[in-house]
Amino acid sequence: MISLGLALVATLELDDTMLRGMMTEPTRRRILELALASHAAMIAEAQQHAHQAAKAGTRDRLQSLSAEEAGEVEALASVIIPSGSTPGAREAGVTYFIDRALATFDRGKREAYRQGLRMAQARREEMFPGSMSIASLKPGDQVHLAEAIENTGFFETLRVHTVMAFLGRPEYGGNRNQAGWTLIGFKE
């Protein structure tokens, strides 16, 4: 009986040691806290810029992208979150969030967007000779083009920005009329 008790104590001590070791592992909450802390300055800068832009009435004025670039970004973003029975990226104004991001907290990605758009346009010309722009392609052709470039760094960045814009606070430039929030059932 005593040996059984010692074995139980040894097992409990081992389990306790294992538990303590597991508690030093980072939790999802801690990882999220660290990620947010590392981006806090950029987030704060974007928030400040969004509030200033809202006060100044510059919501739908492009700051980083040209009108042509914005049209191409909007066409690709509309493939990522299409319109249908609910509003999509176009109706939510995600292009203005992306433009604002490229002028503020993600300004380092501005050149990557320009290069990515040049790559997407070259691919469009290759796939659809005689076409003039991504925005002028038929919706099905836009989907085929997006499938052809979806594994590129540019498209992944565009996808992240599009989702951020669709679900972010409206004053940050996207989620116009709370289209994204309405879709997921979020009420402020």
Protein backbone atom coordinates (compact mmCIF):
# COMPACT_ATOMS: atom_id res chain seq x y z
CA MET A 1 0.00 0.00 0.00
CA ILE A 2 2.84 2.38 0.85
CA SER A 3 4.60 1.68 -2.45
CA LEU A 4 1.34 2.41 -4.25
CA GLY A 5 1.11 5.71 -2.38
CA LEU A 6 4.70 6.62 -3.30
CA ALA A 7 4.03 5.75 -6.91
CA LEU A 8 0.94 7.98 -6.84
CA VAL A 9 2.94 10.84 -5.29
CA ALA A 10 5.71 10.38 -7.87
CA THR A 11 3.11 10.40 -10.64
CA LEU A 12 1.49 13.54 -9.22
CA GLU A 13 4.85 15.25 -8.96
CA LEU A 14 5.65 14.32 -12.54
CA ASP A 15 2.28 15.55 -13.70
CA ASP A 16 2.73 18.75 -11.67
CA THR A 17 6.16 19.27 -13.25
CA MET A 18 4.68 18.69 -16.68
CA LEU A 19 1.89 21.14 -15.94
CA ARG A 20 4.35 23.79 -14.78
CA GLY A 21 6.36 23.28 -17.97
CA MET A 22 3.22 23.62 -20.03
CA MET A 23 2.30 26.83 -18.26
CA THR A 24 5.50 28.47 -19.48
CA GLU A 25 4.47 27.80 -23.06
CA PRO A 26 3.05 30.90 -24.73
CA THR A 27 -0.72 30.95 -24.90
CA ARG A 28 -2.74 32.18 -27.86
CA ARG A 29 -3.69 35.19 -25.76
CA ARG A 30 -0.03 35.98 -25.01
CA ILE A 31 0.95 35.59 -28.66
CA LEU A 32 -1.85 37.97 -29.66
CA GLU A 33 -0.79 40.46 -26.97
CA LEU A 34 2.81 40.39 -28.24
CA ALA A 35 1.71 40.74 -31.86
CA LEU A 36 -0.50 43.72 -31.06
CA ALA A 37 2.19 45.32 -28.92
CA SER A 38 4.72 45.02 -31.73
CA HIS A 39 2.32 46.79 -34.12
CA ALA A 40 0.87 49.28 -31.63
CA ALA A 41 2.69 52.29 -33.08
CA MET A 42 1.51 51.54 -36.63
CA ILE A 43 -2.05 50.90 -35.46
CA ALA A 44 -2.06 54.14 -33.45
CA GLU A 45 -0.72 56.06 -36.44
CA ALA A 46 -3.40 54.60 -38.71
CA GLN A 47 -6.10 55.42 -36.17
CA GLN A 48 -4.87 58.99 -35.78
CA HIS A 49 -4.69 59.44 -39.54
CA ALA A 50 -8.20 57.98 -39.98
CA HIS A 51 -9.66 60.34 -37.40
CA GLN A 52 -7.93 63.35 -38.98
CA ALA A 53 -9.07 62.33 -42.44
CA ALA A 54 -12.64 61.88 -41.22
CA LYS A 55 -12.60 65.37 -39.70
CA ALA A 56 -11.17 66.83 -42.89
CA GLY A 57 -13.74 65.08 -45.08
CA THR A 58 -11.11 63.21 -47.15
CA ARG A 59 -12.76 59.81 -46.85
CA ASP A 60 -13.00 59.05 -50.55
CA ARG A 61 -9.94 60.90 -51.81
CA LEU A 62 -6.99 58.81 -52.97
CA GLN A 63 -3.70 59.56 -51.26
CA SER A 64 -1.30 56.88 -52.47
CA LEU A 65 -2.77 55.03 -55.44
CA SER A 66 -3.48 56.62 -58.79
CA ALA A 67 -7.06 56.39 -60.06
CA GLU A 68 -5.98 53.67 -62.51
CA GLU A 69 -4.19 51.67 -59.78
CA ALA A 70 -7.20 52.05 -57.48
CA GLY A 71 -9.47 50.67 -60.21
CA GLU A 72 -7.24 47.63 -60.65
CA VAL A 73 -7.03 47.07 -56.87
CA GLU A 74 -10.82 47.38 -56.60
CA ALA A 75 -11.32 44.81 -59.37
CA LEU A 76 -9.04 42.28 -57.65
CA ALA A 77 -10.46 43.01 -54.18
CA SER A 78 -13.93 42.42 -55.62
CA VAL A 79 -12.83 38.91 -56.60
CA ILE A 80 -11.66 38.30 -53.03
CA ILE A 81 -14.95 39.52 -51.49
CA PRO A 82 -17.47 39.56 -54.32
CA SER A 83 -20.79 41.36 -54.40
CA GLY A 84 -23.95 39.33 -54.57
CA SER A 85 -26.94 39.18 -52.30
CA THR A 86 -24.76 41.06 -49.81
CA PRO A 87 -22.32 43.94 -50.36
CA GLY A 88 -18.79 43.05 -51.35
CA ALA A 89 -15.42 44.76 -51.34
CA ARG A 90 -16.49 47.39 -53.88
CA GLU A 91 -19.54 48.50 -51.89
CA ALA A 92 -17.55 48.49 -48.65
CA GLY A 93 -14.98 50.87 -50.17
CA VAL A 94 -11.99 48.67 -49.37
CA THR A 95 -9.86 50.47 -51.96
CA TYR A 96 -9.90 53.61 -49.79
CA PHE A 97 -8.71 51.66 -46.75
CA ILE A 98 -5.92 50.10 -48.82
CA ASP A 99 -4.95 53.48 -50.24
CA ARG A 100 -4.88 54.95 -46.74
CA ALA A 101 -2.85 51.99 -45.44
CA LEU A 102 -0.28 52.55 -48.20
CA ALA A 103 -0.09 56.23 -47.24
CA THR A 104 0.27 55.58 -43.49
CA PHE A 105 0.96 52.42 -41.49
CA ASP A 106 1.85 50.20 -44.48
CA ARG A 107 3.64 52.80 -46.60
CA GLY A 108 6.54 50.36 -46.94
CA LYS A 109 4.31 48.18 -49.14
CA ARG A 110 3.52 50.94 -51.63
CA GLU A 111 6.23 49.88 -54.08
CA ALA A 112 5.30 46.20 -53.64
CA TYR A 113 1.75 47.13 -54.70
CA ARG A 114 3.01 48.95 -57.77
CA GLN A 115 5.24 46.01 -58.74
CA GLY A 116 2.45 43.55 -57.96
CA LEU A 117 0.01 45.47 -60.12
CA ARG A 118 2.54 45.52 -62.98
CA MET A 119 2.94 41.74 -62.59
CA ALA A 120 -0.86 41.25 -62.54
CA GLN A 121 -1.26 43.46 -65.62
CA ALA A 122 1.46 41.54 -67.47
CA ARG A 123 -0.30 38.29 -66.58
CA ARG A 124 -3.61 39.78 -67.77
CA GLU A 125 -2.05 40.73 -71.11
CA GLU A 126 -0.65 37.22 -71.46
CA MET A 127 -3.95 35.51 -70.58
CA PHE A 128 -6.32 37.97 -72.28
CA PRO A 129 -4.55 39.59 -75.25
CA GLY A 130 -6.11 42.85 -76.31
CA SER A 131 -7.66 43.55 -72.90
CA MET A 132 -7.05 47.04 -71.55
CA SER A 133 -7.19 46.59 -67.77
CA ILE A 134 -8.06 44.17 -65.00
CA ALA A 135 -11.11 46.28 -64.21
CA SER A 136 -12.38 45.96 -67.80
CA LEU A 137 -12.22 42.14 -67.81
CA LYS A 138 -15.44 40.15 -67.53
CA PRO A 139 -16.03 38.90 -63.96
CA GLY A 140 -15.17 35.30 -64.91
CA ASP A 141 -11.91 36.43 -66.50
CA GLN A 142 -11.07 38.44 -63.37
CA VAL A 143 -11.51 35.25 -61.34
CA HIS A 144 -9.21 33.31 -63.71
CA LEU A 145 -6.59 36.06 -63.43
CA ALA A 146 -6.86 36.05 -59.63
CA GLU A 147 -6.40 32.27 -59.61
CA ALA A 148 -3.28 32.69 -61.74
CA ILE A 149 -1.67 35.15 -59.30
CA GLU A 150 -3.13 33.97 -55.97
CA ASN A 151 0.12 32.37 -54.78
CA THR A 152 2.12 35.58 -55.08
CA GLY A 153 3.18 37.83 -52.21
CA PHE A 154 1.28 40.70 -53.79
CA PHE A 155 -2.01 38.83 -53.88
CA GLU A 156 -1.58 37.65 -50.30
CA THR A 157 -0.98 41.24 -49.15
CA LEU A 158 -4.01 42.37 -51.14
CA ARG A 159 -6.10 39.61 -49.58
CA VAL A 160 -5.05 40.63 -46.04
CA HIS A 161 -5.70 44.32 -46.73
CA THR A 162 -9.08 43.51 -48.30
CA VAL A 163 -10.26 41.52 -45.29
CA MET A 164 -8.92 44.16 -42.88
CA ALA A 165 -10.78 46.83 -44.83
CA PHE A 166 -14.00 44.87 -45.03
CA LEU A 167 -14.12 44.15 -41.30
CA GLY A 168 -12.32 47.19 -39.85
CA ARG A 169 -13.81 50.31 -38.34
CA PRO A 170 -15.54 52.39 -41.04
CA GLU A 171 -13.58 55.53 -40.16
CA TYR A 172 -10.40 53.73 -41.28
CA GLY A 173 -11.61 53.97 -44.86
CA GLY A 174 -13.33 50.64 -45.55
CA ASN A 175 -16.39 48.84 -44.21
CA ARG A 176 -18.61 51.55 -45.66
CA ASN A 177 -22.08 51.49 -44.12
CA GLN A 178 -20.76 48.72 -41.86
CA ALA A 179 -21.15 46.25 -44.74
CA GLY A 180 -18.65 43.79 -43.30
CA TRP A 181 -20.01 44.01 -39.78
CA THR A 182 -23.57 43.50 -41.02
CA LEU A 183 -22.46 40.41 -42.93
CA ILE A 184 -20.96 38.78 -39.83
CA GLY A 185 -23.73 40.00 -37.49
CA PHE A 186 -21.58 42.43 -35.50
CA LYS A 187 -23.25 45.48 -33.98
CA GLU A 188 -21.28 48.31 -32.42
